[in-house]
Amino acid sequence: MGIFSRKKALGASAVVSLIGALAFGAAPAQASNRPIDITGYSVSDVVVSSDSCKNILVTAKAKFANDFNDAAVESYVSHNGDELWDHYGFDFVNKKQTTRNDRIEICPDRTGLGVYTIAPAYVVATFNYLDDGTPSLATRDYWDTTKKSFYVRGKTKSNLSVKRSGKKVTLTTTATVFSPEKNRYVGYNPKNATLQVKSGKTWKTIKTVKLTKGKASVTLKDSKKKTYRVTVPKASWAVATTTAPVTK
């Protein structure tokens, strides 16, 4: 593939390497096909509670062939199949640098919540070889498909109210999640929230409930005073939340 196949500028080292490649001779047959391989990325999930953009730190990890000299790596980021304009750039200038860091700005109010994927990476690498006994450099460019996903989730809030009437107890729970597109909390409708009752020092699930328009109500027959709570597991776009316990 051509170096500008995605119509984006490469980092400074990549440009230098590319210019150098024009001056170097053809690579020897015994040269490495991949002077550097990206072995993984480290990145933390993000929780948003405002419409502000976030600077996301990513660490790229690499391993090198024996003839490696230097490399520039451009790692692309996508969300729901749509590629973000900004991307991560990592310059590896020697074999001692097995990890490199970079940050890009992600704005969930425009790109949304959910799963973001780092991949693929475009690599321009130079390597050492002997040309009739003379130390020389040549360049290879290729795609690295190492992949890493991270989550951008909205902050959630939940509440539980309990009303008793004789032997019946009615529990009503509400949940909201922050929407960066709307810059406010909106009704959260998980299908698998769990109603729990405290038994000794542990919590036992007595019913799974589905929230509609951010709300669900359950009526139970129980004459004894008990302590209840509702837990909502995390989703790809919302963090988990648990209500404060209520005794009734």
C-alpha atoms as a PDB file:
ATOM      1  CA  MET A   1       0.000   0.000   0.000  1.00  0.00           C
ATOM      2  CA  GLY A   2       1.112   3.550  -0.597  1.00  0.00           C
ATOM      3  CA  ILE A   3       2.210   5.611   2.324  1.00  0.00           C
ATOM      4  CA  PHE A   4      -0.623   8.098   1.919  1.00  0.00           C
ATOM      5  CA  SER A   5      -3.357   5.536   1.195  1.00  0.00           C
ATOM      6  CA  ARG A   6      -5.484   6.947   4.036  1.00  0.00           C
ATOM      7  CA  LYS A   7      -4.798  10.548   3.060  1.00  0.00           C
ATOM      8  CA  LYS A   8      -3.221  11.426   6.410  1.00  0.00           C
ATOM      9  CA  ALA A   9       0.183  12.860   7.164  1.00  0.00           C
ATOM     10  CA  LEU A  10       2.714  10.660   8.898  1.00  0.00           C
ATOM     11  CA  GLY A  11       4.977  11.602  11.792  1.00  0.00           C
ATOM     12  CA  ALA A  12       8.315  13.314  11.366  1.00  0.00           C
ATOM     13  CA  SER A  13      10.363  10.133  11.659  1.00  0.00           C
ATOM     14  CA  ALA A  14       8.249   8.423   9.035  1.00  0.00           C
ATOM     15  CA  VAL A  15       8.781  11.251   6.607  1.00  0.00           C
ATOM     16  CA  VAL A  16      12.531  11.133   7.208  1.00  0.00           C
ATOM     17  CA  SER A  17      12.529   7.392   6.714  1.00  0.00           C
ATOM     18  CA  LEU A  18      10.540   7.670   3.510  1.00  0.00           C
ATOM     19  CA  ILE A  19      12.879  10.276   2.091  1.00  0.00           C
ATOM     20  CA  GLY A  20      15.807   8.104   3.067  1.00  0.00           C
ATOM     21  CA  ALA A  21      14.219   5.133   1.363  1.00  0.00           C
ATOM     22  CA  LEU A  22      14.281   6.949  -1.945  1.00  0.00           C
ATOM     23  CA  ALA A  23      18.039   7.254  -1.652  1.00  0.00           C
ATOM     24  CA  PHE A  24      18.704   3.707  -0.456  1.00  0.00           C
ATOM     25  CA  GLY A  25      19.173   0.764  -2.747  1.00  0.00           C
ATOM     26  CA  ALA A  26      16.888  -2.251  -2.929  1.00  0.00           C
ATOM     27  CA  ALA A  27      16.689  -4.244   0.307  1.00  0.00           C
ATOM     28  CA  PRO A  28      18.684  -7.476   0.397  1.00  0.00           C
ATOM     29  CA  ALA A  29      16.769 -10.745   0.221  1.00  0.00           C
ATOM     30  CA  GLN A  30      17.838 -11.757   3.746  1.00  0.00           C
ATOM     31  CA  ALA A  31      16.476  -8.555   5.327  1.00  0.00           C
ATOM     32  CA  SER A  32      13.603  -8.641   7.773  1.00  0.00           C
ATOM     33  CA  ASN A  33      10.146  -8.332   6.271  1.00  0.00           C
ATOM     34  CA  ARG A  34       9.005  -6.618   9.471  1.00  0.00           C
ATOM     35  CA  PRO A  35      11.797  -4.817  11.349  1.00  0.00           C
ATOM     36  CA  ILE A  36       9.302  -3.957  14.116  1.00  0.00           C
ATOM     37  CA  ASP A  37       6.078  -5.550  15.336  1.00  0.00           C
ATOM     38  CA  ILE A  38       3.527  -3.919  17.588  1.00  0.00           C
ATOM     39  CA  THR A  39       2.783  -6.492  20.273  1.00  0.00           C
ATOM     40  CA  GLY A  40       0.026  -4.625  22.087  1.00  0.00           C
ATOM     41  CA  TYR A  41      -1.482  -1.401  23.361  1.00  0.00           C
ATOM     42  CA  SER A  42      -2.296  -0.260  26.889  1.00  0.00           C
ATOM     43  CA  VAL A  43      -5.210   2.128  27.346  1.00  0.00           C
ATOM     44  CA  SER A  44      -7.715   2.789  30.123  1.00  0.00           C
ATOM     45  CA  ASP A  45     -11.474   2.952  29.772  1.00  0.00           C
ATOM     46  CA  VAL A  46     -13.028   6.395  30.125  1.00  0.00           C
ATOM     47  CA  VAL A  47     -16.083   7.605  32.054  1.00  0.00           C
ATOM     48  CA  VAL A  48     -17.701  10.875  30.974  1.00  0.00           C
ATOM     49  CA  SER A  49     -20.000  13.156  32.949  1.00  0.00           C
ATOM     50  CA  SER A  50     -19.731  16.276  30.775  1.00  0.00           C
ATOM     51  CA  ASP A  51     -19.596  17.110  27.089  1.00  0.00           C
ATOM     52  CA  SER A  52     -15.899  18.006  27.306  1.00  0.00           C
ATOM     53  CA  CYS A  53     -13.381  16.237  25.069  1.00  0.00           C
ATOM     54  CA  LYS A  54     -10.998  13.722  26.633  1.00  0.00           C
ATOM     55  CA  ASN A  55      -7.258  13.273  26.055  1.00  0.00           C
ATOM     56  CA  ILE A  56      -6.775   9.513  25.874  1.00  0.00           C
ATOM     57  CA  LEU A  57      -3.300   8.169  26.668  1.00  0.00           C
ATOM     58  CA  VAL A  58      -2.203   5.030  24.803  1.00  0.00           C
ATOM     59  CA  THR A  59       1.036   3.089  25.200  1.00  0.00           C
ATOM     60  CA  ALA A  60       2.263   1.028  22.253  1.00  0.00           C
ATOM     61  CA  LYS A  61       4.489  -1.982  22.946  1.00  0.00           C
ATOM     62  CA  ALA A  62       6.904  -3.335  20.330  1.00  0.00           C
ATOM     63  CA  LYS A  63       9.472  -6.001  19.582  1.00  0.00           C
ATOM     64  CA  PHE A  64      12.281  -5.651  17.054  1.00  0.00           C
ATOM     65  CA  ALA A  65      14.147  -7.733  14.516  1.00  0.00           C
ATOM     66  CA  ASN A  66      17.928  -7.863  14.809  1.00  0.00           C
ATOM     67  CA  ASP A  67      18.415  -5.445  11.918  1.00  0.00           C
ATOM     68  CA  PHE A  68      15.956  -2.803  13.203  1.00  0.00           C
ATOM     69  CA  ASN A  69      17.119   0.816  13.060  1.00  0.00           C
ATOM     70  CA  ASP A  70      14.103   3.061  13.686  1.00  0.00           C
ATOM     71  CA  ALA A  71      10.387   3.334  12.884  1.00  0.00           C
ATOM     72  CA  ALA A  72       7.355   5.573  12.893  1.00  0.00           C
ATOM     73  CA  VAL A  73       3.989   3.989  13.629  1.00  0.00           C
ATOM     74  CA  GLU A  74       0.615   5.580  12.925  1.00  0.00           C
ATOM     75  CA  SER A  75      -2.214   3.763  14.775  1.00  0.00           C
ATOM     76  CA  TYR A  76      -5.736   4.508  13.616  1.00  0.00           C
ATOM     77  CA  VAL A  77      -8.805   4.690  15.860  1.00  0.00           C
ATOM     78  CA  SER A  78     -12.384   3.843  14.932  1.00  0.00           C
ATOM     79  CA  HIS A  79     -15.799   3.863  16.592  1.00  0.00           C
ATOM     80  CA  ASN A  80     -18.682   1.784  15.222  1.00  0.00           C
ATOM     81  CA  GLY A  81     -16.690   1.269  12.038  1.00  0.00           C
ATOM     82  CA  ASP A  82     -16.096   4.995  11.486  1.00  0.00           C
ATOM     83  CA  GLU A  83     -12.464   6.069  11.477  1.00  0.00           C
ATOM     84  CA  LEU A  84     -11.579   9.095  13.575  1.00  0.00           C
ATOM     85  CA  TRP A  85      -9.587  11.824  11.844  1.00  0.00           C
ATOM     86  CA  ASP A  86      -7.019  11.986  14.646  1.00  0.00           C
ATOM     87  CA  HIS A  87      -4.723   9.019  15.247  1.00  0.00           C
ATOM     88  CA  TYR A  88      -1.867   7.917  17.469  1.00  0.00           C
ATOM     89  CA  GLY A  89       1.757   8.400  16.402  1.00  0.00           C
ATOM     90  CA  PHE A  90       4.662   6.489  17.945  1.00  0.00           C
ATOM     91  CA  ASP A  91       8.340   7.051  17.076  1.00  0.00           C
ATOM     92  CA  PHE A  92      10.688   4.188  17.963  1.00  0.00           C
ATOM     93  CA  VAL A  93      14.252   5.449  17.512  1.00  0.00           C
ATOM     94  CA  ASN A  94      16.196   2.515  18.973  1.00  0.00           C
ATOM     95  CA  LYS A  95      15.741  -0.982  20.400  1.00  0.00           C
ATOM     96  CA  LYS A  96      15.754   0.284  23.979  1.00  0.00           C
ATOM     97  CA  GLN A  97      12.413   1.981  23.411  1.00  0.00           C
ATOM     98  CA  THR A  98      10.072  -1.006  23.643  1.00  0.00           C
ATOM     99  CA  THR A  99       7.159   1.243  24.642  1.00  0.00           C
ATOM    100  CA  ARG A 100       6.071   4.666  23.422  1.00  0.00           C
ATOM    101  CA  ASN A 101       3.213   6.939  24.531  1.00  0.00           C
ATOM    102  CA  ASP A 102       0.900   9.296  22.733  1.00  0.00           C
ATOM    103  CA  ARG A 103      -2.401  11.070  23.365  1.00  0.00           C
ATOM    104  CA  ILE A 104      -5.269  12.006  21.111  1.00  0.00           C
ATOM    105  CA  GLU A 105      -8.418  13.950  21.816  1.00  0.00           C
ATOM    106  CA  ILE A 106     -11.748  12.126  21.648  1.00  0.00           C
ATOM    107  CA  CYS A 107     -14.981  14.097  21.866  1.00  0.00           C
ATOM    108  CA  PRO A 108     -17.880  11.767  22.799  1.00  0.00           C
ATOM    109  CA  ASP A 109     -20.426  14.515  22.181  1.00  0.00           C
ATOM    110  CA  ARG A 110     -19.561  14.128  18.482  1.00  0.00           C
ATOM    111  CA  THR A 111     -18.344  10.536  18.159  1.00  0.00           C
ATOM    112  CA  GLY A 112     -20.522   8.914  20.822  1.00  0.00           C
ATOM    113  CA  LEU A 113     -20.187   6.449  23.693  1.00  0.00           C
ATOM    114  CA  GLY A 114     -19.248   2.791  23.389  1.00  0.00           C
ATOM    115  CA  VAL A 115     -16.353   0.760  22.043  1.00  0.00           C
ATOM    116  CA  TYR A 116     -13.354   2.415  20.375  1.00  0.00           C
ATOM    117  CA  THR A 117     -10.822   0.268  18.529  1.00  0.00           C
ATOM    118  CA  ILE A 118      -7.136   0.962  17.903  1.00  0.00           C
ATOM    119  CA  ALA A 119      -6.117  -0.738  14.626  1.00  0.00           C
ATOM    120  CA  PRO A 120      -4.624  -1.030  12.124  1.00  0.00           C
ATOM    121  CA  ALA A 121      -1.229   0.689  12.337  1.00  0.00           C
ATOM    122  CA  TYR A 122       0.793   1.901   9.374  1.00  0.00           C
ATOM    123  CA  VAL A 123       4.504   1.264   9.909  1.00  0.00           C
ATOM    124  CA  VAL A 124       7.491   2.842   8.166  1.00  0.00           C
ATOM    125  CA  ALA A 125      10.695   1.241   9.451  1.00  0.00           C
ATOM    126  CA  THR A 126      14.365   1.421   8.525  1.00  0.00           C
ATOM    127  CA  PHE A 127      16.750  -1.482   9.009  1.00  0.00           C
ATOM    128  CA  ASN A 128      20.492  -2.081   8.764  1.00  0.00           C
ATOM    129  CA  TYR A 129      22.246  -4.232   6.162  1.00  0.00           C
ATOM    130  CA  LEU A 130      25.608  -4.567   4.471  1.00  0.00           C
ATOM    131  CA  ASP A 131      25.909  -3.450   0.851  1.00  0.00           C
ATOM    132  CA  ASP A 132      29.135  -5.017  -0.440  1.00  0.00           C
ATOM    133  CA  GLY A 133      30.498  -4.760   3.093  1.00  0.00           C
ATOM    134  CA  THR A 134      29.346  -1.182   3.589  1.00  0.00           C
ATOM    135  CA  PRO A 135      26.825  -0.522   6.423  1.00  0.00           C
ATOM    136  CA  SER A 136      23.625   0.715   4.796  1.00  0.00           C
ATOM    137  CA  LEU A 137      19.980   1.434   5.555  1.00  0.00           C
ATOM    138  CA  ALA A 138      16.784   0.470   3.749  1.00  0.00           C
ATOM    139  CA  THR A 139      13.107   1.016   4.456  1.00  0.00           C
ATOM    140  CA  ARG A 140      10.036  -1.159   4.623  1.00  0.00           C
ATOM    141  CA  ASP A 141       6.435  -0.013   5.026  1.00  0.00           C
ATOM    142  CA  TYR A 142       3.539  -2.276   5.977  1.00  0.00           C
ATOM    143  CA  TRP A 143       0.346  -2.593   8.018  1.00  0.00           C
ATOM    144  CA  ASP A 144       0.291  -4.006  11.540  1.00  0.00           C
ATOM    145  CA  THR A 145      -3.091  -5.446  12.569  1.00  0.00           C
ATOM    146  CA  THR A 146      -2.561  -5.639  16.325  1.00  0.00           C
ATOM    147  CA  LYS A 147      -5.860  -4.541  17.882  1.00  0.00           C
ATOM    148  CA  LYS A 148      -6.971  -3.085  21.199  1.00  0.00           C
ATOM    149  CA  SER A 149     -10.389  -1.852  22.255  1.00  0.00           C
ATOM    150  CA  PHE A 150     -11.362   0.509  25.038  1.00  0.00           C
ATOM    151  CA  TYR A 151     -14.668   1.830  26.286  1.00  0.00           C
ATOM    152  CA  VAL A 152     -16.010   5.337  26.641  1.00  0.00           C
ATOM    153  CA  ARG A 153     -18.945   5.070  29.036  1.00  0.00           C
ATOM    154  CA  GLY A 154     -21.408   7.549  30.455  1.00  0.00           C
ATOM    155  CA  LYS A 155     -21.615   8.016  34.220  1.00  0.00           C
ATOM    156  CA  THR A 156     -24.797   6.560  35.727  1.00  0.00           C
ATOM    157  CA  LYS A 157     -27.033   7.353  38.687  1.00  0.00           C
ATOM    158  CA  SER A 158     -29.670   5.175  40.327  1.00  0.00           C
ATOM    159  CA  ASN A 159     -32.229   5.409  43.098  1.00  0.00           C
ATOM    160  CA  LEU A 160     -34.541   3.016  44.959  1.00  0.00           C
ATOM    161  CA  SER A 161     -37.729   3.926  46.850  1.00  0.00           C
ATOM    162  CA  VAL A 162     -39.687   1.411  48.907  1.00  0.00           C
ATOM    163  CA  LYS A 163     -43.286   1.651  50.112  1.00  0.00           C
ATOM    164  CA  ARG A 164     -44.965  -0.874  52.391  1.00  0.00           C
ATOM    165  CA  SER A 165     -48.681  -1.546  52.705  1.00  0.00           C
ATOM    166  CA  GLY A 166     -49.450  -4.377  55.054  1.00  0.00           C
ATOM    167  CA  LYS A 167     -47.840  -7.539  53.758  1.00  0.00           C
ATOM    168  CA  LYS A 168     -47.007  -5.959  50.387  1.00  0.00           C
ATOM    169  CA  VAL A 169     -43.919  -3.936  49.581  1.00  0.00           C
ATOM    170  CA  THR A 170     -43.515  -1.958  46.357  1.00  0.00           C
ATOM    171  CA  LEU A 171     -40.025  -1.148  45.141  1.00  0.00           C
ATOM    172  CA  THR A 172     -39.466   1.502  42.473  1.00  0.00           C
ATOM    173  CA  THR A 173     -36.060   2.052  40.933  1.00  0.00           C
ATOM    174  CA  THR A 174     -34.862   4.737  38.550  1.00  0.00           C
ATOM    175  CA  ALA A 175     -31.647   4.974  36.545  1.00  0.00           C
ATOM    176  CA  THR A 176     -30.062   7.632  34.360  1.00  0.00           C
ATOM    177  CA  VAL A 177     -26.919   7.788  32.237  1.00  0.00           C
ATOM    178  CA  PHE A 178     -25.024  10.863  31.108  1.00  0.00           C
ATOM    179  CA  SER A 179     -25.457  11.626  27.405  1.00  0.00           C
ATOM    180  CA  PRO A 180     -22.589  13.777  26.072  1.00  0.00           C
ATOM    181  CA  GLU A 181     -24.586  14.493  22.904  1.00  0.00           C
ATOM    182  CA  LYS A 182     -27.381  16.062  24.996  1.00  0.00           C
ATOM    183  CA  ASN A 183     -25.083  17.268  27.798  1.00  0.00           C
ATOM    184  CA  ARG A 184     -27.432  15.924  30.488  1.00  0.00           C
ATOM    185  CA  TYR A 185     -28.545  12.742  32.184  1.00  0.00           C
ATOM    186  CA  VAL A 186     -31.216  10.739  30.364  1.00  0.00           C
ATOM    187  CA  GLY A 187     -33.295   7.698  31.260  1.00  0.00           C
ATOM    188  CA  TYR A 188     -31.271   4.480  31.265  1.00  0.00           C
ATOM    189  CA  ASN A 189     -33.111   1.302  30.268  1.00  0.00           C
ATOM    190  CA  PRO A 190     -31.097  -1.815  31.128  1.00  0.00           C
ATOM    191  CA  LYS A 191     -32.837  -5.155  30.648  1.00  0.00           C
ATOM    192  CA  ASN A 192     -31.008  -6.987  33.400  1.00  0.00           C
ATOM    193  CA  ALA A 193     -31.095  -4.907  36.563  1.00  0.00           C
ATOM    194  CA  THR A 194     -31.246  -7.116  39.658  1.00  0.00           C
ATOM    195  CA  LEU A 195     -33.375  -6.576  42.736  1.00  0.00           C
ATOM    196  CA  GLN A 196     -31.497  -7.858  45.773  1.00  0.00           C
ATOM    197  CA  VAL A 197     -32.293  -8.456  49.416  1.00  0.00           C
ATOM    198  CA  LYS A 198     -29.748  -8.566  52.222  1.00  0.00           C
ATOM    199  CA  SER A 199     -29.359 -11.915  53.925  1.00  0.00           C
ATOM    200  CA  GLY A 200     -26.882 -11.742  56.776  1.00  0.00           C
ATOM    201  CA  LYS A 201     -23.751 -10.132  55.334  1.00  0.00           C
ATOM    202  CA  THR A 202     -24.498 -11.043  51.698  1.00  0.00           C
ATOM    203  CA  TRP A 203     -26.888  -9.875  49.019  1.00  0.00           C
ATOM    204  CA  LYS A 204     -29.213 -12.325  47.262  1.00  0.00           C
ATOM    205  CA  THR A 205     -30.915 -11.641  43.930  1.00  0.00           C
ATOM    206  CA  ILE A 206     -34.656 -12.161  44.110  1.00  0.00           C
ATOM    207  CA  LYS A 207     -35.714 -10.775  40.741  1.00  0.00           C
ATOM    208  CA  THR A 208     -34.358  -9.453  37.445  1.00  0.00           C
ATOM    209  CA  VAL A 209     -36.126  -6.340  36.196  1.00  0.00           C
ATOM    210  CA  LYS A 210     -36.233  -4.364  32.965  1.00  0.00           C
ATOM    211  CA  LEU A 211     -36.321  -0.584  33.119  1.00  0.00           C
ATOM    212  CA  THR A 212     -38.502   1.381  30.708  1.00  0.00           C
ATOM    213  CA  LYS A 213     -38.061   5.118  30.357  1.00  0.00           C
ATOM    214  CA  GLY A 214     -35.515   4.829  33.134  1.00  0.00           C
ATOM    215  CA  LYS A 215     -37.926   3.286  35.650  1.00  0.00           C
ATOM    216  CA  ALA A 216     -39.226  -0.058  36.944  1.00  0.00           C
ATOM    217  CA  SER A 217     -41.546  -1.095  39.789  1.00  0.00           C
ATOM    218  CA  VAL A 218     -41.926  -4.444  41.519  1.00  0.00           C
ATOM    219  CA  THR A 219     -44.466  -5.471  44.175  1.00  0.00           C
ATOM    220  CA  LEU A 220     -43.598  -8.303  46.568  1.00  0.00           C
ATOM    221  CA  LYS A 221     -45.517 -10.136  49.280  1.00  0.00           C
ATOM    222  CA  ASP A 222     -43.422 -10.023  52.415  1.00  0.00           C
ATOM    223  CA  SER A 223     -44.580  -9.125  55.903  1.00  0.00           C
ATOM    224  CA  LYS A 224     -41.084  -8.894  57.373  1.00  0.00           C
ATOM    225  CA  LYS A 225     -38.910  -5.799  57.379  1.00  0.00           C
ATOM    226  CA  LYS A 226     -35.954  -6.241  55.015  1.00  0.00           C
ATOM    227  CA  THR A 227     -33.168  -4.302  53.307  1.00  0.00           C
ATOM    228  CA  TYR A 228     -33.261  -3.971  49.498  1.00  0.00           C
ATOM    229  CA  ARG A 229     -31.092  -2.592  46.723  1.00  0.00           C
ATOM    230  CA  VAL A 230     -30.950  -2.658  42.910  1.00  0.00           C
ATOM    231  CA  THR A 231     -27.783  -3.241  40.898  1.00  0.00           C
ATOM    232  CA  VAL A 232     -27.317  -2.447  37.224  1.00  0.00           C
ATOM    233  CA  PRO A 233     -24.361  -4.080  35.415  1.00  0.00           C
ATOM    234  CA  LYS A 234     -22.149  -2.080  33.089  1.00  0.00           C
ATOM    235  CA  ALA A 235     -22.826  -1.853  29.356  1.00  0.00           C
ATOM    236  CA  SER A 236     -20.483  -0.914  26.533  1.00  0.00           C
ATOM    237  CA  TRP A 237     -21.664   2.689  26.873  1.00  0.00           C
ATOM    238  CA  ALA A 238     -22.688   2.976  30.550  1.00  0.00           C
ATOM    239  CA  VAL A 239     -20.926   2.199  33.841  1.00  0.00           C
ATOM    240  CA  ALA A 240     -22.456  -0.059  36.470  1.00  0.00           C
ATOM    241  CA  THR A 241     -24.524   1.475  39.253  1.00  0.00           C
ATOM    242  CA  THR A 242     -25.996   0.285  42.553  1.00  0.00           C
ATOM    243  CA  THR A 243     -28.673   2.071  44.549  1.00  0.00           C
ATOM    244  CA  ALA A 244     -28.236   2.922  48.161  1.00  0.00           C
ATOM    245  CA  PRO A 245     -29.812   0.185  50.344  1.00  0.00           C
ATOM    246  CA  VAL A 246     -33.306   0.871  51.694  1.00  0.00           C
ATOM    247  CA  THR A 247     -34.849  -0.896  54.693  1.00  0.00           C
ATOM    248  CA  LYS A 248     -38.637  -1.193  54.916  1.00  0.00           C
END
